[in-house]
């Protein structure tokens, strides 16, 4: 008995002639705040031992509340300012790792970021709260205090 070769069709994808051409990855800035603004946390998230290059930055028209110990970014008021750091993702893999780290309670959104040297960067990705606001509370996130707690937990 002869077996004929078979081909499997992936019906979850459009036919090749209807697929958009492959778009190469272009480095893109992220505005990071909270625990991802910590270089060691960011290095661990990205799976690298090389310290990331971070620049102090801020975004206007945003504020945050706390979800437990962690800040949750929310839009408004126009006078609101959130301070954090700028990180330029070097690959699609880094981008995916940053998004996965945040989980489903956060979603990516674009914002306008001002670097410490005064340069302004548009269309920067950041992580906005994606959950119910009634679980958030007013408060301040202190990165130094969080880093100290993390250090004490490893001892």
C-alpha atoms as a PDB file:
ATOM      1  CA  UNK A   1       0.000   0.000   0.000  1.00  0.00           C
ATOM      2  CA  UNK A   2       1.374   3.395  -0.965  1.00  0.00           C
ATOM      3  CA  UNK A   3       0.972   6.340   1.370  1.00  0.00           C
ATOM      4  CA  UNK A   4       0.494   9.643  -0.311  1.00  0.00           C
ATOM      5  CA  UNK A   5       2.210  12.667   1.202  1.00  0.00           C
ATOM      6  CA  UNK A   6      -0.134  15.001   3.005  1.00  0.00           C
ATOM      7  CA  UNK A   7       0.115  18.665   3.700  1.00  0.00           C
ATOM      8  CA  UNK A   8      -1.465  20.313   6.681  1.00  0.00           C
ATOM      9  CA  UNK A   9      -3.229  23.596   6.222  1.00  0.00           C
ATOM     10  CA  UNK A  10      -3.180  26.182   8.988  1.00  0.00           C
ATOM     11  CA  UNK A  11      -6.653  27.675   8.769  1.00  0.00           C
ATOM     12  CA  UNK A  12      -5.869  30.120  11.601  1.00  0.00           C
ATOM     13  CA  UNK A  13      -3.643  32.157   9.258  1.00  0.00           C
ATOM     14  CA  UNK A  14      -4.688  33.970   6.086  1.00  0.00           C
ATOM     15  CA  UNK A  15      -3.350  32.528   2.843  1.00  0.00           C
ATOM     16  CA  UNK A  16       0.223  33.652   2.048  1.00  0.00           C
ATOM     17  CA  UNK A  17      -0.882  36.106  -0.637  1.00  0.00           C
ATOM     18  CA  UNK A  18      -3.116  37.896   1.908  1.00  0.00           C
ATOM     19  CA  UNK A  19      -0.558  38.168   4.719  1.00  0.00           C
ATOM     20  CA  UNK A  20       1.127  41.516   5.274  1.00  0.00           C
ATOM     21  CA  UNK A  21       4.838  41.554   4.412  1.00  0.00           C
ATOM     22  CA  UNK A  22       7.150  40.832   7.323  1.00  0.00           C
ATOM     23  CA  UNK A  23       7.818  44.027   9.207  1.00  0.00           C
ATOM     24  CA  UNK A  24      11.329  44.215  10.670  1.00  0.00           C
ATOM     25  CA  UNK A  25      11.581  45.212  14.318  1.00  0.00           C
ATOM     26  CA  UNK A  26      12.516  48.811  14.966  1.00  0.00           C
ATOM     27  CA  UNK A  27      13.882  49.800  18.350  1.00  0.00           C
ATOM     28  CA  UNK A  28      11.196  51.461  20.398  1.00  0.00           C
ATOM     29  CA  UNK A  29      11.107  53.391  23.621  1.00  0.00           C
ATOM     30  CA  UNK A  30       9.210  52.292  26.697  1.00  0.00           C
ATOM     31  CA  UNK A  31       8.377  54.582  29.584  1.00  0.00           C
ATOM     32  CA  UNK A  32       8.881  52.430  32.675  1.00  0.00           C
ATOM     33  CA  UNK A  33       7.809  53.234  36.210  1.00  0.00           C
ATOM     34  CA  UNK A  34       7.447  51.148  39.341  1.00  0.00           C
ATOM     35  CA  UNK A  35       9.488  47.959  39.680  1.00  0.00           C
ATOM     36  CA  UNK A  36      10.599  47.897  36.028  1.00  0.00           C
ATOM     37  CA  UNK A  37      12.417  51.190  36.674  1.00  0.00           C
ATOM     38  CA  UNK A  38      14.770  49.152  38.890  1.00  0.00           C
ATOM     39  CA  UNK A  39      17.796  48.118  36.751  1.00  0.00           C
ATOM     40  CA  UNK A  40      18.161  44.681  38.374  1.00  0.00           C
ATOM     41  CA  UNK A  41      14.449  43.885  37.948  1.00  0.00           C
ATOM     42  CA  UNK A  42      14.590  45.012  34.331  1.00  0.00           C
ATOM     43  CA  UNK A  43      17.731  42.939  33.677  1.00  0.00           C
ATOM     44  CA  UNK A  44      16.063  39.885  35.202  1.00  0.00           C
ATOM     45  CA  UNK A  45      12.889  40.454  33.167  1.00  0.00           C
ATOM     46  CA  UNK A  46      14.914  40.749  29.953  1.00  0.00           C
ATOM     47  CA  UNK A  47      17.034  37.708  30.859  1.00  0.00           C
ATOM     48  CA  UNK A  48      20.355  39.520  30.684  1.00  0.00           C
ATOM     49  CA  UNK A  49      23.177  40.162  33.098  1.00  0.00           C
ATOM     50  CA  UNK A  50      24.130  43.362  31.282  1.00  0.00           C
ATOM     51  CA  UNK A  51      22.727  46.416  33.091  1.00  0.00           C
ATOM     52  CA  UNK A  52      20.160  48.163  30.894  1.00  0.00           C
ATOM     53  CA  UNK A  53      20.709  51.710  29.705  1.00  0.00           C
ATOM     54  CA  UNK A  54      18.047  53.831  31.407  1.00  0.00           C
ATOM     55  CA  UNK A  55      17.399  57.558  31.212  1.00  0.00           C
ATOM     56  CA  UNK A  56      15.332  59.550  33.694  1.00  0.00           C
ATOM     57  CA  UNK A  57      12.069  60.599  32.068  1.00  0.00           C
ATOM     58  CA  UNK A  58       8.543  61.777  32.788  1.00  0.00           C
ATOM     59  CA  UNK A  59       5.109  61.761  31.192  1.00  0.00           C
ATOM     60  CA  UNK A  60       2.462  64.468  31.559  1.00  0.00           C
ATOM     61  CA  UNK A  61      -1.287  63.991  31.720  1.00  0.00           C
ATOM     62  CA  UNK A  62      -1.039  60.825  33.814  1.00  0.00           C
ATOM     63  CA  UNK A  63      -1.104  59.788  37.469  1.00  0.00           C
ATOM     64  CA  UNK A  64      -1.011  56.540  39.359  1.00  0.00           C
ATOM     65  CA  UNK A  65      -2.693  54.839  42.258  1.00  0.00           C
ATOM     66  CA  UNK A  66      -1.479  51.757  44.076  1.00  0.00           C
ATOM     67  CA  UNK A  67      -2.530  48.173  43.459  1.00  0.00           C
ATOM     68  CA  UNK A  68      -1.174  46.593  46.620  1.00  0.00           C
ATOM     69  CA  UNK A  69       2.469  47.692  46.615  1.00  0.00           C
ATOM     70  CA  UNK A  70       2.587  48.407  42.885  1.00  0.00           C
ATOM     71  CA  UNK A  71       1.742  51.561  40.937  1.00  0.00           C
ATOM     72  CA  UNK A  72      -1.084  51.429  38.411  1.00  0.00           C
ATOM     73  CA  UNK A  73      -0.876  54.123  35.719  1.00  0.00           C
ATOM     74  CA  UNK A  74      -4.081  56.012  34.912  1.00  0.00           C
ATOM     75  CA  UNK A  75      -4.843  58.788  32.442  1.00  0.00           C
ATOM     76  CA  UNK A  76      -5.351  62.369  33.651  1.00  0.00           C
ATOM     77  CA  UNK A  77      -5.362  64.965  34.941  1.00  0.00           C
ATOM     78  CA  UNK A  78      -3.651  67.131  32.329  1.00  0.00           C
ATOM     79  CA  UNK A  79      -1.473  68.616  35.066  1.00  0.00           C
ATOM     80  CA  UNK A  80      -0.403  65.178  36.320  1.00  0.00           C
ATOM     81  CA  UNK A  81       3.234  64.137  35.977  1.00  0.00           C
ATOM     82  CA  UNK A  82       4.653  60.647  36.485  1.00  0.00           C
ATOM     83  CA  UNK A  83       8.399  60.191  36.784  1.00  0.00           C
ATOM     84  CA  UNK A  84      10.144  57.054  35.637  1.00  0.00           C
ATOM     85  CA  UNK A  85      12.777  55.958  33.148  1.00  0.00           C
ATOM     86  CA  UNK A  86      13.113  55.566  29.398  1.00  0.00           C
ATOM     87  CA  UNK A  87      14.262  52.222  28.035  1.00  0.00           C
ATOM     88  CA  UNK A  88      14.792  51.475  24.349  1.00  0.00           C
ATOM     89  CA  UNK A  89      13.802  47.878  23.563  1.00  0.00           C
ATOM     90  CA  UNK A  90      16.451  46.330  21.338  1.00  0.00           C
ATOM     91  CA  UNK A  91      14.439  43.422  19.909  1.00  0.00           C
ATOM     92  CA  UNK A  92      10.964  41.983  19.477  1.00  0.00           C
ATOM     93  CA  UNK A  93      11.925  39.462  22.166  1.00  0.00           C
ATOM     94  CA  UNK A  94      12.629  42.247  24.673  1.00  0.00           C
ATOM     95  CA  UNK A  95       9.341  43.892  23.796  1.00  0.00           C
ATOM     96  CA  UNK A  96       7.486  40.616  24.377  1.00  0.00           C
ATOM     97  CA  UNK A  97       9.264  40.022  27.710  1.00  0.00           C
ATOM     98  CA  UNK A  98       8.316  43.472  28.994  1.00  0.00           C
ATOM     99  CA  UNK A  99       4.677  42.951  28.040  1.00  0.00           C
ATOM    100  CA  UNK A 100       4.586  39.456  29.550  1.00  0.00           C
ATOM    101  CA  UNK A 101       6.106  40.737  32.802  1.00  0.00           C
ATOM    102  CA  UNK A 102       3.216  43.154  33.307  1.00  0.00           C
ATOM    103  CA  UNK A 103       0.508  40.522  32.919  1.00  0.00           C
ATOM    104  CA  UNK A 104      -3.160  41.051  32.135  1.00  0.00           C
ATOM    105  CA  UNK A 105      -3.753  43.780  34.722  1.00  0.00           C
ATOM    106  CA  UNK A 106      -1.841  46.211  32.500  1.00  0.00           C
ATOM    107  CA  UNK A 107      -2.134  47.028  28.823  1.00  0.00           C
ATOM    108  CA  UNK A 108       0.263  48.829  26.519  1.00  0.00           C
ATOM    109  CA  UNK A 109      -0.613  52.314  25.413  1.00  0.00           C
ATOM    110  CA  UNK A 110       1.236  55.137  23.714  1.00  0.00           C
ATOM    111  CA  UNK A 111       2.297  58.318  25.423  1.00  0.00           C
ATOM    112  CA  UNK A 112       4.553  61.319  24.972  1.00  0.00           C
ATOM    113  CA  UNK A 113       7.697  61.211  27.094  1.00  0.00           C
ATOM    114  CA  UNK A 114      10.101  63.942  28.086  1.00  0.00           C
ATOM    115  CA  UNK A 115      13.684  62.899  28.766  1.00  0.00           C
ATOM    116  CA  UNK A 116      15.721  64.568  31.491  1.00  0.00           C
ATOM    117  CA  UNK A 117      17.768  66.419  28.856  1.00  0.00           C
ATOM    118  CA  UNK A 118      14.580  68.072  27.533  1.00  0.00           C
ATOM    119  CA  UNK A 119      14.096  65.963  24.408  1.00  0.00           C
ATOM    120  CA  UNK A 120      10.506  64.856  23.783  1.00  0.00           C
ATOM    121  CA  UNK A 121       9.714  61.447  22.296  1.00  0.00           C
ATOM    122  CA  UNK A 122       6.264  60.667  20.873  1.00  0.00           C
ATOM    123  CA  UNK A 123       4.599  57.260  20.498  1.00  0.00           C
ATOM    124  CA  UNK A 124       6.399  55.736  23.466  1.00  0.00           C
ATOM    125  CA  UNK A 125       4.910  52.553  24.904  1.00  0.00           C
ATOM    126  CA  UNK A 126       3.983  52.369  28.560  1.00  0.00           C
ATOM    127  CA  UNK A 127       1.793  50.155  30.720  1.00  0.00           C
ATOM    128  CA  UNK A 128      -1.620  51.485  31.726  1.00  0.00           C
ATOM    129  CA  UNK A 129      -3.838  49.874  34.377  1.00  0.00           C
ATOM    130  CA  UNK A 130      -6.311  47.469  32.776  1.00  0.00           C
ATOM    131  CA  UNK A 131      -8.295  46.456  35.851  1.00  0.00           C
ATOM    132  CA  UNK A 132     -11.098  47.829  37.962  1.00  0.00           C
ATOM    133  CA  UNK A 133     -10.240  51.160  39.554  1.00  0.00           C
ATOM    134  CA  UNK A 134     -12.113  50.323  42.761  1.00  0.00           C
ATOM    135  CA  UNK A 135      -9.271  47.971  43.790  1.00  0.00           C
ATOM    136  CA  UNK A 136      -6.749  50.825  43.666  1.00  0.00           C
ATOM    137  CA  UNK A 137      -5.880  53.166  46.506  1.00  0.00           C
ATOM    138  CA  UNK A 138      -4.174  56.521  46.769  1.00  0.00           C
ATOM    139  CA  UNK A 139      -0.528  56.417  47.764  1.00  0.00           C
ATOM    140  CA  UNK A 140       3.056  56.821  46.633  1.00  0.00           C
ATOM    141  CA  UNK A 141       5.344  54.159  45.206  1.00  0.00           C
ATOM    142  CA  UNK A 142       8.851  54.431  46.646  1.00  0.00           C
ATOM    143  CA  UNK A 143      11.295  52.519  44.430  1.00  0.00           C
ATOM    144  CA  UNK A 144      14.100  52.772  47.003  1.00  0.00           C
ATOM    145  CA  UNK A 145      11.899  51.289  49.742  1.00  0.00           C
ATOM    146  CA  UNK A 146      10.752  48.531  47.369  1.00  0.00           C
ATOM    147  CA  UNK A 147      14.393  47.718  46.451  1.00  0.00           C
ATOM    148  CA  UNK A 148      15.276  47.547  50.172  1.00  0.00           C
ATOM    149  CA  UNK A 149      12.370  45.124  50.826  1.00  0.00           C
ATOM    150  CA  UNK A 150      13.527  42.959  47.914  1.00  0.00           C
ATOM    151  CA  UNK A 151      17.077  42.948  49.275  1.00  0.00           C
ATOM    152  CA  UNK A 152      15.879  41.980  52.750  1.00  0.00           C
ATOM    153  CA  UNK A 153      13.751  39.158  51.296  1.00  0.00           C
ATOM    154  CA  UNK A 154      16.815  37.609  49.641  1.00  0.00           C
ATOM    155  CA  UNK A 155      18.786  37.501  52.896  1.00  0.00           C
END
